N, C-alpha and C. Protein backbone atom coordinates (compact mmCIF):
# COMPACT_ATOMS: atom_id res chain seq x y z
N MET A 1 276.28 215.06 136.57
CA MET A 1 276.02 216.47 136.42
C MET A 1 275.32 216.76 135.09
N ALA A 2 275.63 215.96 134.07
CA ALA A 2 274.97 216.17 132.77
C ALA A 2 273.47 215.93 132.87
N ILE A 3 273.07 214.99 133.70
CA ILE A 3 271.65 214.74 133.90
C ILE A 3 271.01 215.91 134.63
N ILE A 4 271.69 216.46 135.62
CA ILE A 4 271.18 217.63 136.33
C ILE A 4 271.08 218.83 135.38
N PHE A 5 272.09 218.98 134.51
CA PHE A 5 272.06 220.02 133.49
C PHE A 5 270.81 219.87 132.61
N ALA A 6 270.54 218.65 132.18
CA ALA A 6 269.37 218.39 131.33
C ALA A 6 268.07 218.64 132.09
N VAL A 7 267.99 218.17 133.32
CA VAL A 7 266.79 218.35 134.12
C VAL A 7 266.54 219.84 134.40
N GLY A 8 267.63 220.62 134.47
CA GLY A 8 267.50 222.06 134.69
C GLY A 8 266.76 222.78 133.58
N HIS A 9 266.63 222.14 132.42
CA HIS A 9 265.90 222.74 131.30
C HIS A 9 264.40 222.40 131.33
N LEU A 10 263.98 221.54 132.23
CA LEU A 10 262.58 221.13 132.28
C LEU A 10 261.62 222.24 132.71
N PRO A 11 261.98 223.13 133.64
CA PRO A 11 261.03 224.21 133.98
C PRO A 11 260.67 225.10 132.78
N ALA A 12 261.64 225.38 131.94
CA ALA A 12 261.34 226.19 130.75
C ALA A 12 260.40 225.44 129.81
N LEU A 13 260.60 224.14 129.68
CA LEU A 13 259.71 223.33 128.84
C LEU A 13 258.29 223.33 129.41
N LYS A 14 258.18 223.19 130.73
CA LYS A 14 256.86 223.19 131.37
C LYS A 14 256.17 224.54 131.17
N ASN A 15 256.92 225.63 131.29
CA ASN A 15 256.33 226.95 131.06
C ASN A 15 255.88 227.11 129.62
N LEU A 16 256.60 226.51 128.70
CA LEU A 16 256.26 226.62 127.29
C LEU A 16 255.03 225.79 126.93
N LEU A 17 254.98 224.57 127.43
CA LEU A 17 253.92 223.63 127.04
C LEU A 17 252.77 223.52 128.04
N GLY A 18 252.99 223.88 129.28
CA GLY A 18 251.96 223.72 130.30
C GLY A 18 252.09 222.43 131.07
N SER A 19 252.49 221.36 130.41
CA SER A 19 252.75 220.08 131.07
C SER A 19 253.82 219.34 130.27
N ILE A 20 254.45 218.39 130.91
CA ILE A 20 255.53 217.65 130.26
C ILE A 20 255.10 216.20 130.08
N THR A 21 255.05 215.76 128.84
CA THR A 21 254.72 214.36 128.54
C THR A 21 255.99 213.52 128.64
N HIS A 22 255.83 212.22 128.64
CA HIS A 22 256.99 211.33 128.70
C HIS A 22 257.89 211.53 127.48
N ILE A 23 257.29 211.71 126.32
CA ILE A 23 258.06 211.92 125.09
C ILE A 23 258.89 213.19 125.19
N MET A 24 258.30 214.27 125.68
CA MET A 24 259.02 215.54 125.80
C MET A 24 260.12 215.45 126.86
N LEU A 25 259.89 214.69 127.92
CA LEU A 25 260.91 214.49 128.93
C LEU A 25 262.12 213.77 128.33
N ILE A 26 261.85 212.69 127.61
CA ILE A 26 262.93 211.92 126.98
C ILE A 26 263.66 212.78 125.95
N ARG A 27 262.91 213.54 125.14
CA ARG A 27 263.52 214.41 124.14
C ARG A 27 264.45 215.42 124.79
N THR A 28 263.99 216.04 125.87
CA THR A 28 264.79 217.04 126.56
C THR A 28 266.07 216.43 127.12
N LEU A 29 265.97 215.26 127.72
CA LEU A 29 267.15 214.61 128.26
C LEU A 29 268.12 214.19 127.15
N VAL A 30 267.59 213.61 126.07
CA VAL A 30 268.45 213.15 124.97
C VAL A 30 269.18 214.32 124.30
N LEU A 31 268.52 215.46 124.17
CA LEU A 31 269.16 216.61 123.53
C LEU A 31 270.13 217.34 124.45
N ASN A 32 269.88 217.32 125.76
CA ASN A 32 270.70 218.11 126.67
C ASN A 32 271.84 217.36 127.35
N ILE A 33 271.72 216.05 127.52
CA ILE A 33 272.78 215.30 128.19
C ILE A 33 274.10 215.37 127.41
N PRO A 34 274.12 215.18 126.09
CA PRO A 34 275.40 215.29 125.38
C PRO A 34 276.05 216.67 125.51
N ILE A 35 275.26 217.73 125.45
CA ILE A 35 275.79 219.08 125.63
C ILE A 35 276.32 219.24 127.06
N GLY A 36 275.60 218.68 128.03
CA GLY A 36 276.06 218.72 129.42
C GLY A 36 277.39 218.01 129.60
N LEU A 37 277.55 216.88 128.94
CA LEU A 37 278.83 216.16 129.01
C LEU A 37 279.95 216.97 128.38
N LEU A 38 279.68 217.55 127.22
CA LEU A 38 280.68 218.38 126.56
C LEU A 38 281.05 219.59 127.41
N CYS A 39 280.05 220.28 127.94
CA CYS A 39 280.33 221.45 128.78
C CYS A 39 281.09 221.07 130.05
N GLY A 40 280.77 219.93 130.62
CA GLY A 40 281.51 219.45 131.79
C GLY A 40 282.97 219.17 131.47
N TRP A 41 283.21 218.52 130.36
CA TRP A 41 284.59 218.25 129.94
C TRP A 41 285.34 219.55 129.68
N LEU A 42 284.68 220.48 128.99
CA LEU A 42 285.32 221.78 128.73
C LEU A 42 285.62 222.51 130.03
N PHE A 43 284.70 222.45 130.99
CA PHE A 43 284.94 223.10 132.28
C PHE A 43 286.17 222.54 132.97
N TRP A 44 286.27 221.22 133.03
CA TRP A 44 287.41 220.60 133.71
C TRP A 44 288.70 220.81 132.94
N SER A 45 288.63 220.85 131.63
CA SER A 45 289.84 220.96 130.82
C SER A 45 290.31 222.40 130.62
N TYR A 46 289.36 223.32 130.42
CA TYR A 46 289.74 224.68 130.01
C TYR A 46 289.14 225.79 130.87
N GLY A 47 288.23 225.47 131.77
CA GLY A 47 287.66 226.50 132.64
C GLY A 47 286.21 226.82 132.31
N ILE A 48 285.63 227.61 133.19
CA ILE A 48 284.20 227.92 133.09
C ILE A 48 283.87 228.71 131.83
N GLU A 49 284.79 229.57 131.40
CA GLU A 49 284.50 230.40 130.23
C GLU A 49 284.24 229.56 128.99
N SER A 50 285.03 228.51 128.80
CA SER A 50 284.83 227.65 127.62
C SER A 50 283.50 226.89 127.70
N ALA A 51 283.12 226.47 128.91
CA ALA A 51 281.84 225.78 129.07
C ALA A 51 280.68 226.72 128.79
N ILE A 52 280.77 227.95 129.26
CA ILE A 52 279.72 228.94 129.01
C ILE A 52 279.62 229.24 127.52
N LEU A 53 280.76 229.39 126.87
CA LEU A 53 280.78 229.67 125.43
C LEU A 53 280.15 228.51 124.64
N ALA A 54 280.46 227.27 125.03
CA ALA A 54 279.88 226.10 124.36
C ALA A 54 278.36 226.06 124.56
N HIS A 55 277.90 226.35 125.77
CA HIS A 55 276.47 226.35 126.05
C HIS A 55 275.78 227.43 125.23
N PHE A 56 276.35 228.62 125.19
CA PHE A 56 275.79 229.72 124.41
C PHE A 56 275.74 229.36 122.92
N THR A 57 276.82 228.77 122.42
CA THR A 57 276.88 228.38 121.01
C THR A 57 275.83 227.32 120.69
N ALA A 58 275.68 226.34 121.56
CA ALA A 58 274.67 225.30 121.35
C ALA A 58 273.27 225.91 121.33
N ASP A 59 273.01 226.87 122.23
CA ASP A 59 271.71 227.54 122.24
C ASP A 59 271.45 228.29 120.94
N ILE A 60 272.45 229.00 120.45
CA ILE A 60 272.30 229.75 119.19
C ILE A 60 272.00 228.78 118.04
N VAL A 61 272.79 227.72 117.94
CA VAL A 61 272.59 226.75 116.86
C VAL A 61 271.20 226.14 116.95
N TYR A 62 270.80 225.73 118.14
CA TYR A 62 269.52 225.06 118.32
C TYR A 62 268.34 226.00 118.09
N HIS A 63 268.37 227.16 118.73
CA HIS A 63 267.22 228.06 118.66
C HIS A 63 267.15 228.82 117.34
N VAL A 64 268.25 229.41 116.92
CA VAL A 64 268.23 230.16 115.66
C VAL A 64 268.17 229.21 114.47
N GLY A 65 269.06 228.22 114.46
CA GLY A 65 269.07 227.25 113.35
C GLY A 65 267.78 226.47 113.27
N GLY A 66 267.27 226.05 114.42
CA GLY A 66 266.02 225.30 114.43
C GLY A 66 264.84 226.12 113.94
N THR A 67 264.81 227.39 114.33
CA THR A 67 263.74 228.27 113.87
C THR A 67 263.80 228.46 112.36
N LEU A 68 265.00 228.65 111.82
CA LEU A 68 265.14 228.83 110.36
C LEU A 68 264.71 227.57 109.62
N VAL A 69 265.08 226.42 110.13
CA VAL A 69 264.70 225.16 109.48
C VAL A 69 263.19 224.98 109.53
N LEU A 70 262.58 225.23 110.69
CA LEU A 70 261.13 225.07 110.81
C LEU A 70 260.38 226.04 109.91
N ARG A 71 260.87 227.27 109.79
CA ARG A 71 260.22 228.23 108.89
C ARG A 71 260.32 227.76 107.45
N LYS A 72 261.46 227.21 107.07
CA LYS A 72 261.67 226.71 105.72
C LYS A 72 260.72 225.54 105.44
N ILE A 73 260.58 224.64 106.39
CA ILE A 73 259.68 223.49 106.24
C ILE A 73 258.23 223.97 106.13
N LYS A 74 257.87 224.96 106.93
CA LYS A 74 256.51 225.47 106.93
C LYS A 74 256.16 226.12 105.60
N LYS A 75 257.11 226.78 104.96
CA LYS A 75 256.88 227.41 103.66
C LYS A 75 256.62 226.37 102.56
N ASP A 76 257.33 225.26 102.62
CA ASP A 76 257.24 224.24 101.58
C ASP A 76 256.03 223.39 101.68
């Protein structure tokens, strides 16, 4: 299921980039499979709400934190 979770993020990547290279495919899988495993474990252990919260938290950290880091790098 973690692989399906990771593959589910590929349409957004394709919309963003226009096409998906092998490097971007591997990057997407490597970044999303661990979160998929964690969310799956949380779902089985604590319920859907905890899995949704973990997914939302990971998105905030990745998108907001990543944007701040990239802006900082771009300034320097």
